[in-house]
Amino acid sequence: SLEARVPLLDHRVVELAASMPAELKLRGSQRKYILEQLAKKLLPAQILNRKKQGFPIPIESWLRREAAPMMQDLLSSETIHRRGYFDAEFVARLIRQHVSWYADNSTQLW
């Protein structure tokens, strides 16, 4: 997927933005004013005027792969019992179903 925010995290862009006066960054309640003005010169109207979209994150996959050990540690029966917030057996079942691909329980586990 395309990560469009990364160029805005470049230290030179951050330093430039930090050096700009507030009136270039805000116009009333309009945030990112100068960025929007620049975009109007560079991008077609169909892109500028389209509905805002979120950035989906692959929680389902993370909790089955990279984040599985951390999830299992944070949601271990011992931790659940110590904190007393959830039913440890129910959480363990959600984890087992999720990591075995039986069910997508990523929303509940997240």
PDB file of N, CA and C in Angstrom:
ATOM      1  N   SER A   1       0.832  -1.189   0.000  1.00  0.00           N
ATOM      2  CA  SER A   1       0.000   0.000   0.000  1.00  0.00           C
ATOM      3  C   SER A   1       0.876   1.251   0.000  1.00  0.00           C
ATOM      4  N   LEU A   2       0.287   2.336  -0.359  1.00  0.00           N
ATOM      5  CA  LEU A   2       1.000   3.611  -0.440  1.00  0.00           C
ATOM      6  C   LEU A   2       0.911   4.333   0.892  1.00  0.00           C
ATOM      7  N   GLU A   3       2.045   4.710   1.429  1.00  0.00           N
ATOM      8  CA  GLU A   3       2.093   5.476   2.682  1.00  0.00           C
ATOM      9  C   GLU A   3       2.350   6.918   2.306  1.00  0.00           C
ATOM     10  N   ALA A   4       1.293   7.722   2.314  1.00  0.00           N
ATOM     11  CA  ALA A   4       1.384   9.104   1.834  1.00  0.00           C
ATOM     12  C   ALA A   4       1.863  10.084   2.892  1.00  0.00           C
ATOM     13  N   ARG A   5       1.858   9.699   4.153  1.00  0.00           N
ATOM     14  CA  ARG A   5       2.227  10.633   5.213  1.00  0.00           C
ATOM     15  C   ARG A   5       3.733  10.754   5.410  1.00  0.00           C
ATOM     16  N   VAL A   6       4.494   9.764   4.977  1.00  0.00           N
ATOM     17  CA  VAL A   6       5.932   9.740   5.248  1.00  0.00           C
ATOM     18  C   VAL A   6       6.664  10.987   4.769  1.00  0.00           C
ATOM     19  N   PRO A   7       6.402  11.504   3.567  1.00  0.00           N
ATOM     20  CA  PRO A   7       7.131  12.723   3.166  1.00  0.00           C
ATOM     21  C   PRO A   7       6.930  13.882   4.133  1.00  0.00           C
ATOM     22  N   LEU A   8       5.790  13.940   4.781  1.00  0.00           N
ATOM     23  CA  LEU A   8       5.521  15.022   5.724  1.00  0.00           C
ATOM     24  C   LEU A   8       6.267  14.832   7.042  1.00  0.00           C
ATOM     25  N   LEU A   9       6.875  13.673   7.229  1.00  0.00           N
ATOM     26  CA  LEU A   9       7.643  13.407   8.444  1.00  0.00           C
ATOM     27  C   LEU A   9       9.132  13.666   8.246  1.00  0.00           C
ATOM     28  N   ASP A  10       9.543  13.977   7.029  1.00  0.00           N
ATOM     29  CA  ASP A  10      10.947  14.297   6.763  1.00  0.00           C
ATOM     30  C   ASP A  10      11.345  15.475   7.647  1.00  0.00           C
ATOM     31  N   HIS A  11      12.495  15.378   8.278  1.00  0.00           N
ATOM     32  CA  HIS A  11      12.897  16.412   9.242  1.00  0.00           C
ATOM     33  C   HIS A  11      12.962  17.801   8.616  1.00  0.00           C
ATOM     34  N   ARG A  12      13.260  17.881   7.324  1.00  0.00           N
ATOM     35  CA  ARG A  12      13.322  19.201   6.679  1.00  0.00           C
ATOM     36  C   ARG A  12      11.929  19.819   6.567  1.00  0.00           C
ATOM     37  N   VAL A  13      10.948  18.989   6.263  1.00  0.00           N
ATOM     38  CA  VAL A  13       9.567  19.478   6.181  1.00  0.00           C
ATOM     39  C   VAL A  13       9.084  19.890   7.571  1.00  0.00           C
ATOM     40  N   VAL A  14       9.402  19.088   8.567  1.00  0.00           N
ATOM     41  CA  VAL A  14       9.004  19.396   9.945  1.00  0.00           C
ATOM     42  C   VAL A  14       9.652  20.701  10.399  1.00  0.00           C
ATOM     43  N   GLU A  15      10.943  20.874  10.107  1.00  0.00           N
ATOM     44  CA  GLU A  15      11.647  22.100  10.500  1.00  0.00           C
ATOM     45  C   GLU A  15      11.076  23.322   9.784  1.00  0.00           C
ATOM     46  N   LEU A  16      10.752  23.167   8.486  1.00  0.00           N
ATOM     47  CA  LEU A  16      10.153  24.269   7.735  1.00  0.00           C
ATOM     48  C   LEU A  16       8.803  24.650   8.347  1.00  0.00           C
ATOM     49  N   ALA A  17       7.976  23.654   8.624  1.00  0.00           N
ATOM     50  CA  ALA A  17       6.658  23.921   9.213  1.00  0.00           C
ATOM     51  C   ALA A  17       6.791  24.598  10.577  1.00  0.00           C
ATOM     52  N   ALA A  18       7.778  24.178  11.352  1.00  0.00           N
ATOM     53  CA  ALA A  18       7.978  24.773  12.677  1.00  0.00           C
ATOM     54  C   ALA A  18       8.427  26.225  12.581  1.00  0.00           C
ATOM     55  N   SER A  19       9.095  26.573  11.487  1.00  0.00           N
ATOM     56  CA  SER A  19       9.597  27.944  11.336  1.00  0.00           C
ATOM     57  C   SER A  19       8.560  28.900  10.748  1.00  0.00           C
ATOM     58  N   MET A  20       7.453  28.373  10.227  1.00  0.00           N
ATOM     59  CA  MET A  20       6.426  29.210   9.595  1.00  0.00           C
ATOM     60  C   MET A  20       5.563  29.907  10.636  1.00  0.00           C
ATOM     61  N   PRO A  21       5.112  31.117  10.320  1.00  0.00           N
ATOM     62  CA  PRO A  21       4.185  31.793  11.231  1.00  0.00           C
ATOM     63  C   PRO A  21       2.837  31.062  11.258  1.00  0.00           C
ATOM     64  N   ALA A  22       2.148  31.170  12.371  1.00  0.00           N
ATOM     65  CA  ALA A  22       0.881  30.460  12.569  1.00  0.00           C
ATOM     66  C   ALA A  22      -0.150  30.790  11.494  1.00  0.00           C
ATOM     67  N   GLU A  23      -0.166  32.038  11.010  1.00  0.00           N
ATOM     68  CA  GLU A  23      -1.193  32.416  10.022  1.00  0.00           C
ATOM     69  C   GLU A  23      -1.039  31.685   8.688  1.00  0.00           C
ATOM     70  N   LEU A  24       0.141  31.126   8.410  1.00  0.00           N
ATOM     71  CA  LEU A  24       0.293  30.313   7.207  1.00  0.00           C
ATOM     72  C   LEU A  24      -0.195  28.882   7.438  1.00  0.00           C
ATOM     73  N   LYS A  25      -0.205  28.462   8.677  1.00  0.00           N
ATOM     74  CA  LYS A  25      -0.629  27.100   8.992  1.00  0.00           C
ATOM     75  C   LYS A  25      -2.110  27.028   9.345  1.00  0.00           C
ATOM     76  N   LEU A  26      -2.663  28.101   9.864  1.00  0.00           N
ATOM     77  CA  LEU A  26      -4.075  28.158  10.249  1.00  0.00           C
ATOM     78  C   LEU A  26      -4.729  29.382   9.628  1.00  0.00           C
ATOM     79  N   ARG A  27      -5.942  29.228   9.135  1.00  0.00           N
ATOM     80  CA  ARG A  27      -6.748  30.338   8.634  1.00  0.00           C
ATOM     81  C   ARG A  27      -8.120  30.171   9.239  1.00  0.00           C
ATOM     82  N   GLY A  28      -8.387  30.855  10.334  1.00  0.00           N
ATOM     83  CA  GLY A  28      -9.637  30.631  11.062  1.00  0.00           C
ATOM     84  C   GLY A  28      -9.616  29.228  11.636  1.00  0.00           C
ATOM     85  N   SER A  29     -10.607  28.423  11.251  1.00  0.00           N
ATOM     86  CA  SER A  29     -10.639  27.033  11.716  1.00  0.00           C
ATOM     87  C   SER A  29     -10.027  26.078  10.696  1.00  0.00           C
ATOM     88  N   GLN A  30      -9.555  26.617   9.579  1.00  0.00           N
ATOM     89  CA  GLN A  30      -8.957  25.787   8.529  1.00  0.00           C
ATOM     90  C   GLN A  30      -7.509  25.474   8.890  1.00  0.00           C
ATOM     91  N   ARG A  31      -7.241  24.181   9.117  1.00  0.00           N
ATOM     92  CA  ARG A  31      -5.890  23.743   9.438  1.00  0.00           C
ATOM     93  C   ARG A  31      -5.142  23.408   8.149  1.00  0.00           C
ATOM     94  N   LYS A  32      -3.829  23.368   8.217  1.00  0.00           N
ATOM     95  CA  LYS A  32      -2.963  23.013   7.081  1.00  0.00           C
ATOM     96  C   LYS A  32      -3.199  23.948   5.893  1.00  0.00           C
ATOM     97  N   TYR A  33      -3.403  25.208   6.174  1.00  0.00           N
ATOM     98  CA  TYR A  33      -3.747  26.182   5.138  1.00  0.00           C
ATOM     99  C   TYR A  33      -2.716  26.219   4.013  1.00  0.00           C
ATOM    100  N   ILE A  34      -1.447  26.412   4.339  1.00  0.00           N
ATOM    101  CA  ILE A  34      -0.417  26.558   3.308  1.00  0.00           C
ATOM    102  C   ILE A  34      -0.258  25.266   2.506  1.00  0.00           C
ATOM    103  N   LEU A  35      -0.410  24.129   3.159  1.00  0.00           N
ATOM    104  CA  LEU A  35      -0.319  22.843   2.470  1.00  0.00           C
ATOM    105  C   LEU A  35      -1.461  22.703   1.465  1.00  0.00           C
ATOM    106  N   GLU A  36      -2.644  23.137   1.860  1.00  0.00           N
ATOM    107  CA  GLU A  36      -3.788  23.071   0.955  1.00  0.00           C
ATOM    108  C   GLU A  36      -3.606  24.009  -0.239  1.00  0.00           C
ATOM    109  N   GLN A  37      -3.067  25.197   0.002  1.00  0.00           N
ATOM    110  CA  GLN A  37      -2.833  26.140  -1.095  1.00  0.00           C
ATOM    111  C   GLN A  37      -1.831  25.567  -2.095  1.00  0.00           C
ATOM    112  N   LEU A  38      -0.796  24.941  -1.607  1.00  0.00           N
ATOM    113  CA  LEU A  38       0.196  24.306  -2.475  1.00  0.00           C
ATOM    114  C   LEU A  38      -0.435  23.153  -3.251  1.00  0.00           C
ATOM    115  N   ALA A  39      -1.241  22.355  -2.571  1.00  0.00           N
ATOM    116  CA  ALA A  39      -1.895  21.222  -3.221  1.00  0.00           C
ATOM    117  C   ALA A  39      -2.808  21.681  -4.352  1.00  0.00           C
ATOM    118  N   LYS A  40      -3.485  22.824  -4.183  1.00  0.00           N
ATOM    119  CA  LYS A  40      -4.363  23.351  -5.231  1.00  0.00           C
ATOM    120  C   LYS A  40      -3.598  23.643  -6.512  1.00  0.00           C
ATOM    121  N   LYS A  41      -2.330  23.998  -6.380  1.00  0.00           N
ATOM    122  CA  LYS A  41      -1.512  24.290  -7.563  1.00  0.00           C
ATOM    123  C   LYS A  41      -0.974  23.024  -8.218  1.00  0.00           C
ATOM    124  N   LEU A  42      -0.893  21.940  -7.466  1.00  0.00           N
ATOM    125  CA  LEU A  42      -0.237  20.732  -7.962  1.00  0.00           C
ATOM    126  C   LEU A  42      -1.168  19.569  -8.282  1.00  0.00           C
ATOM    127  N   LEU A  43      -2.343  19.529  -7.667  1.00  0.00           N
ATOM    128  CA  LEU A  43      -3.220  18.369  -7.805  1.00  0.00           C
ATOM    129  C   LEU A  43      -4.527  18.724  -8.499  1.00  0.00           C
ATOM    130  N   PRO A  44      -5.101  17.776  -9.248  1.00  0.00           N
ATOM    131  CA  PRO A  44      -6.386  18.029  -9.903  1.00  0.00           C
ATOM    132  C   PRO A  44      -7.523  18.116  -8.875  1.00  0.00           C
ATOM    133  N   ALA A  45      -8.576  18.832  -9.249  1.00  0.00           N
ATOM    134  CA  ALA A  45      -9.720  19.055  -8.362  1.00  0.00           C
ATOM    135  C   ALA A  45     -10.359  17.746  -7.909  1.00  0.00           C
ATOM    136  N   GLN A  46     -10.387  16.727  -8.776  1.00  0.00           N
ATOM    137  CA  GLN A  46     -11.027  15.460  -8.396  1.00  0.00           C
ATOM    138  C   GLN A  46     -10.319  14.797  -7.213  1.00  0.00           C
ATOM    139  N   ILE A  47      -9.041  15.039  -7.069  1.00  0.00           N
ATOM    140  CA  ILE A  47      -8.308  14.510  -5.913  1.00  0.00           C
ATOM    141  C   ILE A  47      -8.537  15.401  -4.700  1.00  0.00           C
ATOM    142  N   LEU A  48      -8.457  16.702  -4.895  1.00  0.00           N
ATOM    143  CA  LEU A  48      -8.624  17.638  -3.779  1.00  0.00           C
ATOM    144  C   LEU A  48     -10.011  17.581  -3.154  1.00  0.00           C
ATOM    145  N   ASN A  49     -11.028  17.319  -3.964  1.00  0.00           N
ATOM    146  CA  ASN A  49     -12.409  17.377  -3.489  1.00  0.00           C
ATOM    147  C   ASN A  49     -13.006  16.023  -3.121  1.00  0.00           C
ATOM    148  N   ARG A  50     -12.220  14.964  -3.202  1.00  0.00           N
ATOM    149  CA  ARG A  50     -12.784  13.652  -2.879  1.00  0.00           C
ATOM    150  C   ARG A  50     -12.959  13.496  -1.371  1.00  0.00           C
ATOM    151  N   LYS A  51     -13.812  12.556  -1.018  1.00  0.00           N
ATOM    152  CA  LYS A  51     -14.105  12.284   0.391  1.00  0.00           C
ATOM    153  C   LYS A  51     -12.833  11.820   1.104  1.00  0.00           C
ATOM    154  N   LYS A  52     -12.674  12.272   2.325  1.00  0.00           N
ATOM    155  CA  LYS A  52     -11.519  11.900   3.129  1.00  0.00           C
ATOM    156  C   LYS A  52     -11.557  10.401   3.418  1.00  0.00           C
ATOM    157  N   GLN A  53     -10.387   9.760   3.357  1.00  0.00           N
ATOM    158  CA  GLN A  53     -10.296   8.326   3.600  1.00  0.00           C
ATOM    159  C   GLN A  53      -9.387   8.057   4.791  1.00  0.00           C
ATOM    160  N   GLY A  54      -9.698   7.005   5.501  1.00  0.00           N
ATOM    161  CA  GLY A  54      -8.858   6.599   6.619  1.00  0.00           C
ATOM    162  C   GLY A  54      -7.684   5.763   6.133  1.00  0.00           C
ATOM    163  N   PHE A  55      -6.820   5.434   7.046  1.00  0.00           N
ATOM    164  CA  PHE A  55      -5.670   4.597   6.750  1.00  0.00           C
ATOM    165  C   PHE A  55      -5.853   3.279   7.495  1.00  0.00           C
ATOM    166  N   PRO A  56      -6.328   2.243   6.787  1.00  0.00           N
ATOM    167  CA  PRO A  56      -6.544   0.974   7.477  1.00  0.00           C
ATOM    168  C   PRO A  56      -5.221   0.382   7.959  1.00  0.00           C
ATOM    169  N   ILE A  57      -5.274  -0.267   9.090  1.00  0.00           N
ATOM    170  CA  ILE A  57      -4.085  -0.932   9.599  1.00  0.00           C
ATOM    171  C   ILE A  57      -4.380  -2.426   9.704  1.00  0.00           C
ATOM    172  N   PRO A  58      -3.394  -3.253   9.445  1.00  0.00           N
ATOM    173  CA  PRO A  58      -3.613  -4.707   9.385  1.00  0.00           C
ATOM    174  C   PRO A  58      -3.596  -5.385  10.756  1.00  0.00           C
ATOM    175  N   ILE A  59      -4.513  -4.982  11.628  1.00  0.00           N
ATOM    176  CA  ILE A  59      -4.537  -5.532  12.984  1.00  0.00           C
ATOM    177  C   ILE A  59      -4.718  -7.047  12.961  1.00  0.00           C
ATOM    178  N   GLU A  60      -5.621  -7.519  12.101  1.00  0.00           N
ATOM    179  CA  GLU A  60      -5.888  -8.965  12.032  1.00  0.00           C
ATOM    180  C   GLU A  60      -4.595  -9.734  11.796  1.00  0.00           C
ATOM    181  N   SER A  61      -3.826  -9.280  10.825  1.00  0.00           N
ATOM    182  CA  SER A  61      -2.558  -9.935  10.489  1.00  0.00           C
ATOM    183  C   SER A  61      -1.529  -9.773  11.602  1.00  0.00           C
ATOM    184  N   TRP A  62      -1.393  -8.570  12.133  1.00  0.00           N
ATOM    185  CA  TRP A  62      -0.411  -8.320  13.202  1.00  0.00           C
ATOM    186  C   TRP A  62      -0.633  -9.252  14.384  1.00  0.00           C
ATOM    187  N   LEU A  63      -1.907  -9.400  14.779  1.00  0.00           N
ATOM    188  CA  LEU A  63      -2.201 -10.212  15.956  1.00  0.00           C
ATOM    189  C   LEU A  63      -2.021 -11.699  15.696  1.00  0.00           C
ATOM    190  N   ARG A  64      -1.866 -12.076  14.447  1.00  0.00           N
ATOM    191  CA  ARG A  64      -1.578 -13.476  14.116  1.00  0.00           C
ATOM    192  C   ARG A  64      -0.087 -13.701  13.897  1.00  0.00           C
ATOM    193  N   ARG A  65       0.634 -12.634  13.649  1.00  0.00           N
ATOM    194  CA  ARG A  65       2.054 -12.781  13.315  1.00  0.00           C
ATOM    195  C   ARG A  65       2.928 -11.981  14.274  1.00  0.00           C
ATOM    196  N   GLU A  66       3.341 -10.788  13.830  1.00  0.00           N
ATOM    197  CA  GLU A  66       4.337  -9.999  14.563  1.00  0.00           C
ATOM    198  C   GLU A  66       3.947  -9.689  16.003  1.00  0.00           C
ATOM    199  N   ALA A  67       2.697  -9.334  16.222  1.00  0.00           N
ATOM    200  CA  ALA A  67       2.266  -8.912  17.559  1.00  0.00           C
ATOM    201  C   ALA A  67       1.687 -10.048  18.394  1.00  0.00           C
ATOM    202  N   ALA A  68       1.636 -11.261  17.838  1.00  0.00           N
ATOM    203  CA  ALA A  68       1.044 -12.388  18.576  1.00  0.00           C
ATOM    204  C   ALA A  68       1.726 -12.643  19.917  1.00  0.00           C
ATOM    205  N   PRO A  69       3.065 -12.694  19.982  1.00  0.00           N
ATOM    206  CA  PRO A  69       3.698 -12.933  21.290  1.00  0.00           C
ATOM    207  C   PRO A  69       3.370 -11.836  22.314  1.00  0.00           C
ATOM    208  N   MET A  70       3.371 -10.585  21.881  1.00  0.00           N
ATOM    209  CA  MET A  70       3.059  -9.487  22.794  1.00  0.00           C
ATOM    210  C   MET A  70       1.602  -9.579  23.260  1.00  0.00           C
ATOM    211  N   MET A  71       0.696  -9.882  22.320  1.00  0.00           N
ATOM    212  CA  MET A  71      -0.717 -10.015  22.674  1.00  0.00           C
ATOM    213  C   MET A  71      -0.896 -11.139  23.688  1.00  0.00           C
ATOM    214  N   GLN A  72      -0.252 -12.272  23.441  1.00  0.00           N
ATOM    215  CA  GLN A  72      -0.402 -13.411  24.342  1.00  0.00           C
ATOM    216  C   GLN A  72       0.181 -13.114  25.720  1.00  0.00           C
ATOM    217  N   ASP A  73       1.229 -12.306  25.768  1.00  0.00           N
ATOM    218  CA  ASP A  73       1.809 -11.912  27.047  1.00  0.00           C
ATOM    219  C   ASP A  73       0.881 -10.939  27.785  1.00  0.00           C
ATOM    220  N   LEU A  74       0.417  -9.909  27.064  1.00  0.00           N
ATOM    221  CA  LEU A  74      -0.447  -8.902  27.687  1.00  0.00           C
ATOM    222  C   LEU A  74      -1.800  -9.464  28.109  1.00  0.00           C
ATOM    223  N   LEU A  75      -2.265 -10.476  27.367  1.00  0.00           N
ATOM    224  CA  LEU A  75      -3.573 -11.060  27.654  1.00  0.00           C
ATOM    225  C   LEU A  75      -3.452 -12.474  28.216  1.00  0.00           C
ATOM    226  N   SER A  76      -2.341 -12.770  28.857  1.00  0.00           N
ATOM    227  CA  SER A  76      -2.157 -14.096  29.459  1.00  0.00           C
ATOM    228  C   SER A  76      -3.152 -14.271  30.606  1.00  0.00           C
ATOM    229  N   SER A  77      -3.455 -15.521  30.925  1.00  0.00           N
ATOM    230  CA  SER A  77      -4.385 -15.802  32.028  1.00  0.00           C
ATOM    231  C   SER A  77      -3.904 -15.164  33.318  1.00  0.00           C
ATOM    232  N   GLU A  78      -2.593 -15.227  33.558  1.00  0.00           N
ATOM    233  CA  GLU A  78      -2.025 -14.638  34.777  1.00  0.00           C
ATOM    234  C   GLU A  78      -2.290 -13.133  34.830  1.00  0.00           C
ATOM    235  N   THR A  79      -2.031 -12.446  33.719  1.00  0.00           N
ATOM    236  CA  THR A  79      -2.240 -10.993  33.667  1.00  0.00           C
ATOM    237  C   THR A  79      -3.719 -10.654  33.820  1.00  0.00           C
ATOM    238  N   ILE A  80      -4.569 -11.413  33.133  1.00  0.00           N
ATOM    239  CA  ILE A  80      -6.018 -11.182  33.203  1.00  0.00           C
ATOM    240  C   ILE A  80      -6.508 -11.346  34.646  1.00  0.00           C
ATOM    241  N   HIS A  81      -6.088 -12.433  35.305  1.00  0.00           N
ATOM    242  CA  HIS A  81      -6.512 -12.669  36.698  1.00  0.00           C
ATOM    243  C   HIS A  81      -6.009 -11.560  37.618  1.00  0.00           C
ATOM    244  N   ARG A  82      -4.754 -11.136  37.428  1.00  0.00           N
ATOM    245  CA  ARG A  82      -4.166 -10.104  38.289  1.00  0.00           C
ATOM    246  C   ARG A  82      -4.923  -8.783  38.160  1.00  0.00           C
ATOM    247  N   ARG A  83      -5.283  -8.425  36.937  1.00  0.00           N
ATOM    248  CA  ARG A  83      -5.969  -7.145  36.725  1.00  0.00           C
ATOM    249  C   ARG A  83      -7.461  -7.233  37.014  1.00  0.00           C
ATOM    250  N   GLY A  84      -8.036  -8.405  36.787  1.00  0.00           N
ATOM    251  CA  GLY A  84      -9.433  -8.622  37.134  1.00  0.00           C
ATOM    252  C   GLY A  84     -10.462  -7.958  36.238  1.00  0.00           C
ATOM    253  N   TYR A  85     -10.079  -7.568  35.029  1.00  0.00           N
ATOM    254  CA  TYR A  85     -11.033  -6.881  34.147  1.00  0.00           C
ATOM    255  C   TYR A  85     -11.858  -7.823  33.279  1.00  0.00           C
ATOM    256  N   PHE A  86     -11.268  -8.929  32.842  1.00  0.00           N
ATOM    257  CA  PHE A  86     -11.915  -9.802  31.861  1.00  0.00           C
ATOM    258  C   PHE A  86     -11.985 -11.236  32.365  1.00  0.00           C
ATOM    259  N   ASP A  87     -12.775 -12.024  31.670  1.00  0.00           N
ATOM    260  CA  ASP A  87     -12.855 -13.458  31.919  1.00  0.00           C
ATOM    261  C   ASP A  87     -11.678 -14.103  31.186  1.00  0.00           C
ATOM    262  N   ALA A  88     -10.727 -14.649  31.932  1.00  0.00           N
ATOM    263  CA  ALA A  88      -9.493 -15.182  31.344  1.00  0.00           C
ATOM    264  C   ALA A  88      -9.761 -16.316  30.363  1.00  0.00           C
ATOM    265  N   GLU A  89     -10.721 -17.183  30.668  1.00  0.00           N
ATOM    266  CA  GLU A  89     -11.029 -18.297  29.761  1.00  0.00           C
ATOM    267  C   GLU A  89     -11.593 -17.783  28.440  1.00  0.00           C
ATOM    268  N   PHE A  90     -12.445 -16.786  28.518  1.00  0.00           N
ATOM    269  CA  PHE A  90     -13.028 -16.206  27.306  1.00  0.00           C
ATOM    270  C   PHE A  90     -11.941 -15.567  26.441  1.00  0.00           C
ATOM    271  N   VAL A  91     -11.045 -14.808  27.053  1.00  0.00           N
ATOM    272  CA  VAL A  91      -9.953 -14.160  26.313  1.00  0.00           C
ATOM    273  C   VAL A  91      -9.038 -15.213  25.702  1.00  0.00           C
ATOM    274  N   ALA A  92      -8.720 -16.258  26.453  1.00  0.00           N
ATOM    275  CA  ALA A  92      -7.863 -17.331  25.925  1.00  0.00           C
ATOM    276  C   ALA A  92      -8.515 -17.985  24.710  1.00  0.00           C
ATOM    277  N   ARG A  93      -9.833 -18.177  24.762  1.00  0.00           N
ATOM    278  CA  ARG A  93     -10.551 -18.758  23.621  1.00  0.00           C
ATOM    279  C   ARG A  93     -10.486 -17.829  22.407  1.00  0.00           C
ATOM    280  N   LEU A  94     -10.667 -16.523  22.630  1.00  0.00           N
ATOM    281  CA  LEU A  94     -10.557 -15.563  21.526  1.00  0.00           C
ATOM    282  C   LEU A  94      -9.175 -15.643  20.875  1.00  0.00           C
ATOM    283  N   ILE A  95      -8.134 -15.703  21.700  1.00  0.00           N
ATOM    284  CA  ILE A  95      -6.764 -15.773  21.178  1.00  0.00           C
ATOM    285  C   ILE A  95      -6.561 -17.062  20.393  1.00  0.00           C
ATOM    286  N   ARG A  96      -6.956 -18.205  20.963  1.00  0.00           N
ATOM    287  CA  ARG A  96      -6.791 -19.496  20.268  1.00  0.00           C
ATOM    288  C   ARG A  96      -7.495 -19.483  18.916  1.00  0.00           C
ATOM    289  N   GLN A  97      -8.733 -19.016  18.897  1.00  0.00           N
ATOM    290  CA  GLN A  97      -9.491 -18.971  17.642  1.00  0.00           C
ATOM    291  C   GLN A  97      -8.806 -18.060  16.629  1.00  0.00           C
ATOM    292  N   HIS A  98      -8.288 -16.945  17.116  1.00  0.00           N
ATOM    293  CA  HIS A  98      -7.685 -15.971  16.204  1.00  0.00           C
ATOM    294  C   HIS A  98      -6.379 -16.488  15.607  1.00  0.00           C
ATOM    295  N   VAL A  99      -5.460 -16.950  16.445  1.00  0.00           N
ATOM    296  CA  VAL A  99      -4.146 -17.367  15.932  1.00  0.00           C
ATOM    297  C   VAL A  99      -4.227 -18.648  15.113  1.00  0.00           C
ATOM    298  N   SER A 100      -5.289 -19.453  15.300  1.00  0.00           N
ATOM    299  CA  SER A 100      -5.451 -20.677  14.505  1.00  0.00           C
ATOM    300  C   SER A 100      -6.262 -20.432  13.233  1.00  0.00           C
ATOM    301  N   TRP A 101      -6.622 -19.184  12.967  1.00  0.00           N
ATOM    302  CA  TRP A 101      -7.394 -18.785  11.787  1.00  0.00           C
ATOM    303  C   TRP A 101      -8.832 -19.308  11.822  1.00  0.00           C
ATOM    304  N   TYR A 102      -9.303 -19.746  12.982  1.00  0.00           N
ATOM    305  CA  TYR A 102     -10.675 -20.225  13.101  1.00  0.00           C
ATOM    306  C   TYR A 102     -11.657 -19.062  13.010  1.00  0.00           C
ATOM    307  N   ALA A 103     -11.261 -17.912  13.560  1.00  0.00           N
ATOM    308  CA  ALA A 103     -12.124 -16.724  13.551  1.00  0.00           C
ATOM    309  C   ALA A 103     -11.254 -15.476  13.549  1.00  0.00           C
ATOM    310  N   ASP A 104     -11.813 -14.391  13.050  1.00  0.00           N
ATOM    311  CA  ASP A 104     -11.130 -13.096  13.120  1.00  0.00           C
ATOM    312  C   ASP A 104     -11.639 -12.380  14.367  1.00  0.00           C
ATOM    313  N   ASN A 105     -10.873 -12.464  15.434  1.00  0.00           N
ATOM    314  CA  ASN A 105     -11.235 -11.818  16.696  1.00  0.00           C
ATOM    315  C   ASN A 105     -10.383 -10.581  16.946  1.00  0.00           C
ATOM    316  N   SER A 106      -9.829 -10.034  15.887  1.00  0.00           N
ATOM    317  CA  SER A 106      -8.890  -8.918  16.039  1.00  0.00           C
ATOM    318  C   SER A 106      -9.523  -7.698  16.708  1.00  0.00           C
ATOM    319  N   THR A 107     -10.763  -7.399  16.387  1.00  0.00           N
ATOM    320  CA  THR A 107     -11.409  -6.225  16.985  1.00  0.00           C
ATOM    321  C   THR A 107     -11.549  -6.389  18.493  1.00  0.00           C
ATOM    322  N   GLN A 108     -12.017  -7.551  18.929  1.00  0.00           N
ATOM    323  CA  GLN A 108     -12.176  -7.790  20.363  1.00  0.00           C
ATOM    324  C   GLN A 108     -10.820  -7.813  21.068  1.00  0.00           C
ATOM    325  N   LEU A 109      -9.825  -8.410  20.446  1.00  0.00           N
ATOM    326  CA  LEU A 109      -8.509  -8.521  21.079  1.00  0.00           C
ATOM    327  C   LEU A 109      -7.776  -7.188  21.097  1.00  0.00           C
ATOM    328  N   TRP A 110      -7.978  -6.380  20.089  1.00  0.00           N
ATOM    329  CA  TRP A 110      -7.309  -5.080  20.026  1.00  0.00           C
ATOM    330  C   TRP A 110      -7.838  -4.180  21.115  1.00  0.00           C
TER     331      TRP A 110
END
